Amino acid sequence: MTTIVNSPNPSNDSGNGGLIIGIFVLIILGLVFFYYGIPSLKNLRPVEINVPAPQINVPNQVDVNVKPAE
């Protein structure tokens, strides 16, 4: 009895679909970075905190007469 092996022909599909999608995603991420990231990096400035100077009331005269304890 003869054995028949039906093996499929090798396909010419190289499987680069994932590579093309990956490159496309990287291009999209790069464009998003240039559109949003670079302008936001340019606008970064140090945070300004305005603390008001304390107001100290000093009298014109100070009574330095010390009374001894009795």
PDB file of N, CA and C in Angstrom:
ATOM      1  N   MET A   1       0.829  -1.159   0.000  1.00  0.00           N
ATOM      2  CA  MET A   1       0.000   0.000   0.000  1.00  0.00           C
ATOM      3  C   MET A   1       0.891   1.246   0.000  1.00  0.00           C
ATOM      4  N   THR A   2       0.479   2.246  -0.725  1.00  0.00           N
ATOM      5  CA  THR A   2       1.268   3.461  -0.895  1.00  0.00           C
ATOM      6  C   THR A   2       0.822   4.512   0.118  1.00  0.00           C
ATOM      7  N   THR A   3       1.799   5.214   0.702  1.00  0.00           N
ATOM      8  CA  THR A   3       1.509   6.299   1.644  1.00  0.00           C
ATOM      9  C   THR A   3       1.580   7.620   0.905  1.00  0.00           C
ATOM     10  N   ILE A   4       0.528   8.393   1.015  1.00  0.00           N
ATOM     11  CA  ILE A   4       0.480   9.701   0.358  1.00  0.00           C
ATOM     12  C   ILE A   4       0.573  10.777   1.437  1.00  0.00           C
ATOM     13  N   VAL A   5       1.544  11.649   1.318  1.00  0.00           N
ATOM     14  CA  VAL A   5       1.729  12.753   2.266  1.00  0.00           C
ATOM     15  C   VAL A   5       1.320  14.027   1.563  1.00  0.00           C
ATOM     16  N   ASN A   6       0.302  14.659   2.091  1.00  0.00           N
ATOM     17  CA  ASN A   6      -0.159  15.926   1.537  1.00  0.00           C
ATOM     18  C   ASN A   6       0.432  17.070   2.378  1.00  0.00           C
ATOM     19  N   SER A   7       1.536  17.583   1.973  1.00  0.00           N
ATOM     20  CA  SER A   7       2.135  18.721   2.695  1.00  0.00           C
ATOM     21  C   SER A   7       1.845  19.999   1.910  1.00  0.00           C
ATOM     22  N   PRO A   8       1.454  21.052   2.596  1.00  0.00           N
ATOM     23  CA  PRO A   8       1.126  22.281   1.873  1.00  0.00           C
ATOM     24  C   PRO A   8       2.364  22.928   1.275  1.00  0.00           C
ATOM     25  N   ASN A   9       2.136  23.667   0.214  1.00  0.00           N
ATOM     26  CA  ASN A   9       3.233  24.382  -0.424  1.00  0.00           C
ATOM     27  C   ASN A   9       3.710  25.509   0.513  1.00  0.00           C
ATOM     28  N   PRO A  10       4.982  25.794   0.526  1.00  0.00           N
ATOM     29  CA  PRO A  10       5.457  26.894   1.370  1.00  0.00           C
ATOM     30  C   PRO A  10       4.861  28.223   0.896  1.00  0.00           C
ATOM     31  N   SER A  11       4.409  28.996   1.855  1.00  0.00           N
ATOM     32  CA  SER A  11       3.790  30.262   1.483  1.00  0.00           C
ATOM     33  C   SER A  11       4.866  31.341   1.357  1.00  0.00           C
ATOM     34  N   ASN A  12       4.564  32.343   0.591  1.00  0.00           N
ATOM     35  CA  ASN A  12       5.501  33.441   0.394  1.00  0.00           C
ATOM     36  C   ASN A  12       5.240  34.589   1.367  1.00  0.00           C
ATOM     37  N   ASP A  13       4.353  34.380   2.328  1.00  0.00           N
ATOM     38  CA  ASP A  13       4.043  35.406   3.320  1.00  0.00           C
ATOM     39  C   ASP A  13       5.214  35.519   4.285  1.00  0.00           C
ATOM     40  N   SER A  14       5.805  36.693   4.322  1.00  0.00           N
ATOM     41  CA  SER A  14       6.996  36.868   5.161  1.00  0.00           C
ATOM     42  C   SER A  14       6.643  37.253   6.591  1.00  0.00           C
ATOM     43  N   GLY A  15       5.394  37.595   6.869  1.00  0.00           N
ATOM     44  CA  GLY A  15       4.976  37.895   8.233  1.00  0.00           C
ATOM     45  C   GLY A  15       5.448  39.243   8.728  1.00  0.00           C
ATOM     46  N   ASN A  16       5.530  40.245   7.880  1.00  0.00           N
ATOM     47  CA  ASN A  16       5.983  41.572   8.285  1.00  0.00           C
ATOM     48  C   ASN A  16       4.829  42.479   8.701  1.00  0.00           C
ATOM     49  N   GLY A  17       3.651  41.926   8.901  1.00  0.00           N
ATOM     50  CA  GLY A  17       2.513  42.737   9.305  1.00  0.00           C
ATOM     51  C   GLY A  17       2.728  43.368  10.671  1.00  0.00           C
ATOM     52  N   GLY A  18       3.292  42.642  11.617  1.00  0.00           N
ATOM     53  CA  GLY A  18       3.563  43.173  12.945  1.00  0.00           C
ATOM     54  C   GLY A  18       4.624  44.246  12.915  1.00  0.00           C
ATOM     55  N   LEU A  19       5.608  44.089  12.051  1.00  0.00           N
ATOM     56  CA  LEU A  19       6.664  45.087  11.927  1.00  0.00           C
ATOM     57  C   LEU A  19       6.107  46.398  11.374  1.00  0.00           C
ATOM     58  N   ILE A  20       5.253  46.294  10.393  1.00  0.00           N
ATOM     59  CA  ILE A  20       4.663  47.501   9.789  1.00  0.00           C
ATOM     60  C   ILE A  20       3.773  48.212  10.802  1.00  0.00           C
ATOM     61  N   ILE A  21       2.990  47.459  11.559  1.00  0.00           N
ATOM     62  CA  ILE A  21       2.133  48.058  12.586  1.00  0.00           C
ATOM     63  C   ILE A  21       2.987  48.711  13.669  1.00  0.00           C
ATOM     64  N   GLY A  22       4.072  48.071  14.065  1.00  0.00           N
ATOM     65  CA  GLY A  22       4.968  48.639  15.076  1.00  0.00           C
ATOM     66  C   GLY A  22       5.599  49.938  14.617  1.00  0.00           C
ATOM     67  N   ILE A  23       6.044  49.986  13.390  1.00  0.00           N
ATOM     68  CA  ILE A  23       6.626  51.227  12.849  1.00  0.00           C
ATOM     69  C   ILE A  23       5.573  52.320  12.779  1.00  0.00           C
ATOM     70  N   PHE A  24       4.357  51.962  12.382  1.00  0.00           N
ATOM     71  CA  PHE A  24       3.257  52.927  12.308  1.00  0.00           C
ATOM     72  C   PHE A  24       2.937  53.490  13.698  1.00  0.00           C
ATOM     73  N   VAL A  25       2.911  52.637  14.704  1.00  0.00           N
ATOM     74  CA  VAL A  25       2.639  53.084  16.071  1.00  0.00           C
ATOM     75  C   VAL A  25       3.763  53.998  16.568  1.00  0.00           C
ATOM     76  N   LEU A  26       5.003  53.678  16.261  1.00  0.00           N
ATOM     77  CA  LEU A  26       6.120  54.532  16.669  1.00  0.00           C
ATOM     78  C   LEU A  26       6.055  55.908  16.003  1.00  0.00           C
ATOM     79  N   ILE A  27       5.645  55.938  14.751  1.00  0.00           N
ATOM     80  CA  ILE A  27       5.503  57.222  14.056  1.00  0.00           C
ATOM     81  C   ILE A  27       4.396  58.052  14.704  1.00  0.00           C
ATOM     82  N   ILE A  28       3.281  57.412  15.031  1.00  0.00           N
ATOM     83  CA  ILE A  28       2.170  58.122  15.683  1.00  0.00           C
ATOM     84  C   ILE A  28       2.617  58.657  17.044  1.00  0.00           C
ATOM     85  N   LEU A  29       3.308  57.848  17.832  1.00  0.00           N
ATOM     86  CA  LEU A  29       3.784  58.304  19.142  1.00  0.00           C
ATOM     87  C   LEU A  29       4.780  59.453  19.006  1.00  0.00           C
ATOM     88  N   GLY A  30       5.626  59.396  18.002  1.00  0.00           N
ATOM     89  CA  GLY A  30       6.569  60.495  17.770  1.00  0.00           C
ATOM     90  C   GLY A  30       5.848  61.789  17.413  1.00  0.00           C
ATOM     91  N   LEU A  31       4.834  61.685  16.567  1.00  0.00           N
ATOM     92  CA  LEU A  31       4.069  62.885  16.213  1.00  0.00           C
ATOM     93  C   LEU A  31       3.330  63.459  17.414  1.00  0.00           C
ATOM     94  N   VAL A  32       2.778  62.595  18.240  1.00  0.00           N
ATOM     95  CA  VAL A  32       2.084  63.063  19.450  1.00  0.00           C
ATOM     96  C   VAL A  32       3.080  63.751  20.381  1.00  0.00           C
ATOM     97  N   PHE A  33       4.286  63.191  20.515  1.00  0.00           N
ATOM     98  CA  PHE A  33       5.299  63.820  21.362  1.00  0.00           C
ATOM     99  C   PHE A  33       5.668  65.197  20.831  1.00  0.00           C
ATOM    100  N   PHE A  34       5.876  65.317  19.533  1.00  0.00           N
ATOM    101  CA  PHE A  34       6.242  66.626  18.975  1.00  0.00           C
ATOM    102  C   PHE A  34       5.102  67.631  19.093  1.00  0.00           C
ATOM    103  N   TYR A  35       3.872  67.163  18.988  1.00  0.00           N
ATOM    104  CA  TYR A  35       2.728  68.081  19.023  1.00  0.00           C
ATOM    105  C   TYR A  35       2.428  68.551  20.444  1.00  0.00           C
ATOM    106  N   TYR A  36       2.473  67.632  21.417  1.00  0.00           N
ATOM    107  CA  TYR A  36       2.115  67.977  22.795  1.00  0.00           C
ATOM    108  C   TYR A  36       3.328  68.120  23.710  1.00  0.00           C
ATOM    109  N   GLY A  37       4.321  67.275  23.539  1.00  0.00           N
ATOM    110  CA  GLY A  37       5.424  67.224  24.488  1.00  0.00           C
ATOM    111  C   GLY A  37       6.367  68.398  24.407  1.00  0.00           C
ATOM    112  N   ILE A  38       6.807  68.742  23.228  1.00  0.00           N
ATOM    113  CA  ILE A  38       7.785  69.823  23.083  1.00  0.00           C
ATOM    114  C   ILE A  38       7.205  71.171  23.492  1.00  0.00           C
ATOM    115  N   PRO A  39       5.987  71.554  23.105  1.00  0.00           N
ATOM    116  CA  PRO A  39       5.453  72.828  23.603  1.00  0.00           C
ATOM    117  C   PRO A  39       5.295  72.858  25.127  1.00  0.00           C
ATOM    118  N   SER A  40       4.924  71.728  25.722  1.00  0.00           N
ATOM    119  CA  SER A  40       4.780  71.733  27.173  1.00  0.00           C
ATOM    120  C   SER A  40       6.142  71.813  27.848  1.00  0.00           C
ATOM    121  N   LEU A  41       7.182  71.260  27.243  1.00  0.00           N
ATOM    122  CA  LEU A  41       8.524  71.387  27.812  1.00  0.00           C
ATOM    123  C   LEU A  41       9.035  72.815  27.700  1.00  0.00           C
ATOM    124  N   LYS A  42       8.656  73.515  26.643  1.00  0.00           N
ATOM    125  CA  LYS A  42       9.072  74.908  26.495  1.00  0.00           C
ATOM    126  C   LYS A  42       8.397  75.799  27.528  1.00  0.00           C
ATOM    127  N   ASN A  43       7.178  75.465  27.925  1.00  0.00           N
ATOM    128  CA  ASN A  43       6.430  76.292  28.861  1.00  0.00           C
ATOM    129  C   ASN A  43       6.759  76.005  30.318  1.00  0.00           C
ATOM    130  N   LEU A  44       7.642  75.061  30.582  1.00  0.00           N
ATOM    131  CA  LEU A  44       8.002  74.776  31.966  1.00  0.00           C
ATOM    132  C   LEU A  44       8.830  75.925  32.525  1.00  0.00           C
ATOM    133  N   ARG A  45       8.384  76.458  33.610  1.00  0.00           N
ATOM    134  CA  ARG A  45       9.099  77.529  34.296  1.00  0.00           C
ATOM    135  C   ARG A  45       9.124  77.185  35.771  1.00  0.00           C
ATOM    136  N   PRO A  46      10.074  77.755  36.497  1.00  0.00           N
ATOM    137  CA  PRO A  46      10.062  77.496  37.936  1.00  0.00           C
ATOM    138  C   PRO A  46       8.792  78.068  38.575  1.00  0.00           C
ATOM    139  N   VAL A  47       8.307  77.378  39.546  1.00  0.00           N
ATOM    140  CA  VAL A  47       7.088  77.807  40.221  1.00  0.00           C
ATOM    141  C   VAL A  47       7.423  78.989  41.118  1.00  0.00           C
ATOM    142  N   GLU A  48       6.665  80.070  40.959  1.00  0.00           N
ATOM    143  CA  GLU A  48       6.889  81.257  41.766  1.00  0.00           C
ATOM    144  C   GLU A  48       5.954  81.226  42.967  1.00  0.00           C
ATOM    145  N   ILE A  49       6.555  81.282  44.148  1.00  0.00           N
ATOM    146  CA  ILE A  49       5.777  81.313  45.379  1.00  0.00           C
ATOM    147  C   ILE A  49       5.994  82.674  46.009  1.00  0.00           C
ATOM    148  N   ASN A  50       4.934  83.449  46.080  1.00  0.00           N
ATOM    149  CA  ASN A  50       5.023  84.785  46.654  1.00  0.00           C
ATOM    150  C   ASN A  50       4.637  84.727  48.119  1.00  0.00           C
ATOM    151  N   VAL A  51       5.643  84.802  48.976  1.00  0.00           N
ATOM    152  CA  VAL A  51       5.409  84.821  50.411  1.00  0.00           C
ATOM    153  C   VAL A  51       5.538  86.266  50.860  1.00  0.00           C
ATOM    154  N   PRO A  52       4.480  86.832  51.429  1.00  0.00           N
ATOM    155  CA  PRO A  52       4.575  88.233  51.849  1.00  0.00           C
ATOM    156  C   PRO A  52       5.541  88.379  53.022  1.00  0.00           C
ATOM    157  N   ALA A  53       6.227  89.505  53.043  1.00  0.00           N
ATOM    158  CA  ALA A  53       7.174  89.768  54.129  1.00  0.00           C
ATOM    159  C   ALA A  53       6.392  90.004  55.413  1.00  0.00           C
ATOM    160  N   PRO A  54       6.876  89.476  56.523  1.00  0.00           N
ATOM    161  CA  PRO A  54       6.152  89.681  57.781  1.00  0.00           C
ATOM    162  C   PRO A  54       6.240  91.143  58.225  1.00  0.00           C
ATOM    163  N   GLN A  55       5.163  91.614  58.810  1.00  0.00           N
ATOM    164  CA  GLN A  55       5.140  92.985  59.312  1.00  0.00           C
ATOM    165  C   GLN A  55       5.338  92.945  60.822  1.00  0.00           C
ATOM    166  N   ILE A  56       6.385  93.613  61.265  1.00  0.00           N
ATOM    167  CA  ILE A  56       6.705  93.666  62.690  1.00  0.00           C
ATOM    168  C   ILE A  56       6.491  95.090  63.161  1.00  0.00           C
ATOM    169  N   ASN A  57       5.647  95.256  64.155  1.00  0.00           N
ATOM    170  CA  ASN A  57       5.373  96.570  64.725  1.00  0.00           C
ATOM    171  C   ASN A  57       6.328  96.810  65.885  1.00  0.00           C
ATOM    172  N   VAL A  58       7.197  97.801  65.731  1.00  0.00           N
ATOM    173  CA  VAL A  58       8.146  98.166  66.775  1.00  0.00           C
ATOM    174  C   VAL A  58       7.715  99.515  67.342  1.00  0.00           C
ATOM    175  N   PRO A  59       7.529  99.585  68.690  1.00  0.00           N
ATOM    176  CA  PRO A  59       7.129 100.868  69.267  1.00  0.00           C
ATOM    177  C   PRO A  59       8.268 101.886  69.191  1.00  0.00           C
ATOM    178  N   ASN A  60       7.900 103.162  69.198  1.00  0.00           N
ATOM    179  CA  ASN A  60       8.912 104.224  69.123  1.00  0.00           C
ATOM    180  C   ASN A  60       9.770 104.276  70.380  1.00  0.00           C
ATOM    181  N   GLN A  61       9.174 104.021  71.552  1.00  0.00           N
ATOM    182  CA  GLN A  61       9.900 104.043  72.801  1.00  0.00           C
ATOM    183  C   GLN A  61       9.680 102.741  73.541  1.00  0.00           C
ATOM    184  N   VAL A  62      10.747 102.280  74.198  1.00  0.00           N
ATOM    185  CA  VAL A  62      10.658 101.074  74.997  1.00  0.00           C
ATOM    186  C   VAL A  62      11.007 101.464  76.431  1.00  0.00           C
ATOM    187  N   ASP A  63      10.163 101.128  77.378  1.00  0.00           N
ATOM    188  CA  ASP A  63      10.403 101.434  78.776  1.00  0.00           C
ATOM    189  C   ASP A  63      11.342 100.383  79.353  1.00  0.00           C
ATOM    190  N   VAL A  64      12.580 100.832  79.684  1.00  0.00           N
ATOM    191  CA  VAL A  64      13.581  99.907  80.205  1.00  0.00           C
ATOM    192  C   VAL A  64      13.777 100.063  81.704  1.00  0.00           C
ATOM    193  N   ASN A  65      12.931 100.795  82.353  1.00  0.00           N
ATOM    194  CA  ASN A  65      13.019 100.946  83.811  1.00  0.00           C
ATOM    195  C   ASN A  65      12.598  99.640  84.454  1.00  0.00           C
ATOM    196  N   VAL A  66      13.540  99.026  85.134  1.00  0.00           N
ATOM    197  CA  VAL A  66      13.280  97.762  85.796  1.00  0.00           C
ATOM    198  C   VAL A  66      13.043  98.039  87.266  1.00  0.00           C
ATOM    199  N   LYS A  67      11.952  97.596  87.763  1.00  0.00           N
ATOM    200  CA  LYS A  67      11.634  97.777  89.179  1.00  0.00           C
ATOM    201  C   LYS A  67      12.113  96.535  89.919  1.00  0.00           C
ATOM    202  N   PRO A  68      12.901  96.770  90.971  1.00  0.00           N
ATOM    203  CA  PRO A  68      13.357  95.593  91.739  1.00  0.00           C
ATOM    204  C   PRO A  68      12.225  94.915  92.483  1.00  0.00           C
ATOM    205  N   ALA A  69      12.312  93.623  92.592  1.00  0.00           N
ATOM    206  CA  ALA A  69      11.278  92.866  93.304  1.00  0.00           C
ATOM    207  C   ALA A  69      11.413  93.094  94.796  1.00  0.00           C
ATOM    208  N   GLU A  70      10.363  93.296  95.524  1.00  0.00           N
ATOM    209  CA  GLU A  70      10.414  93.545  96.961  1.00  0.00           C
ATOM    210  C   GLU A  70      10.035  92.354  97.745  1.00  0.00           C
TER     211      GLU A  70
END
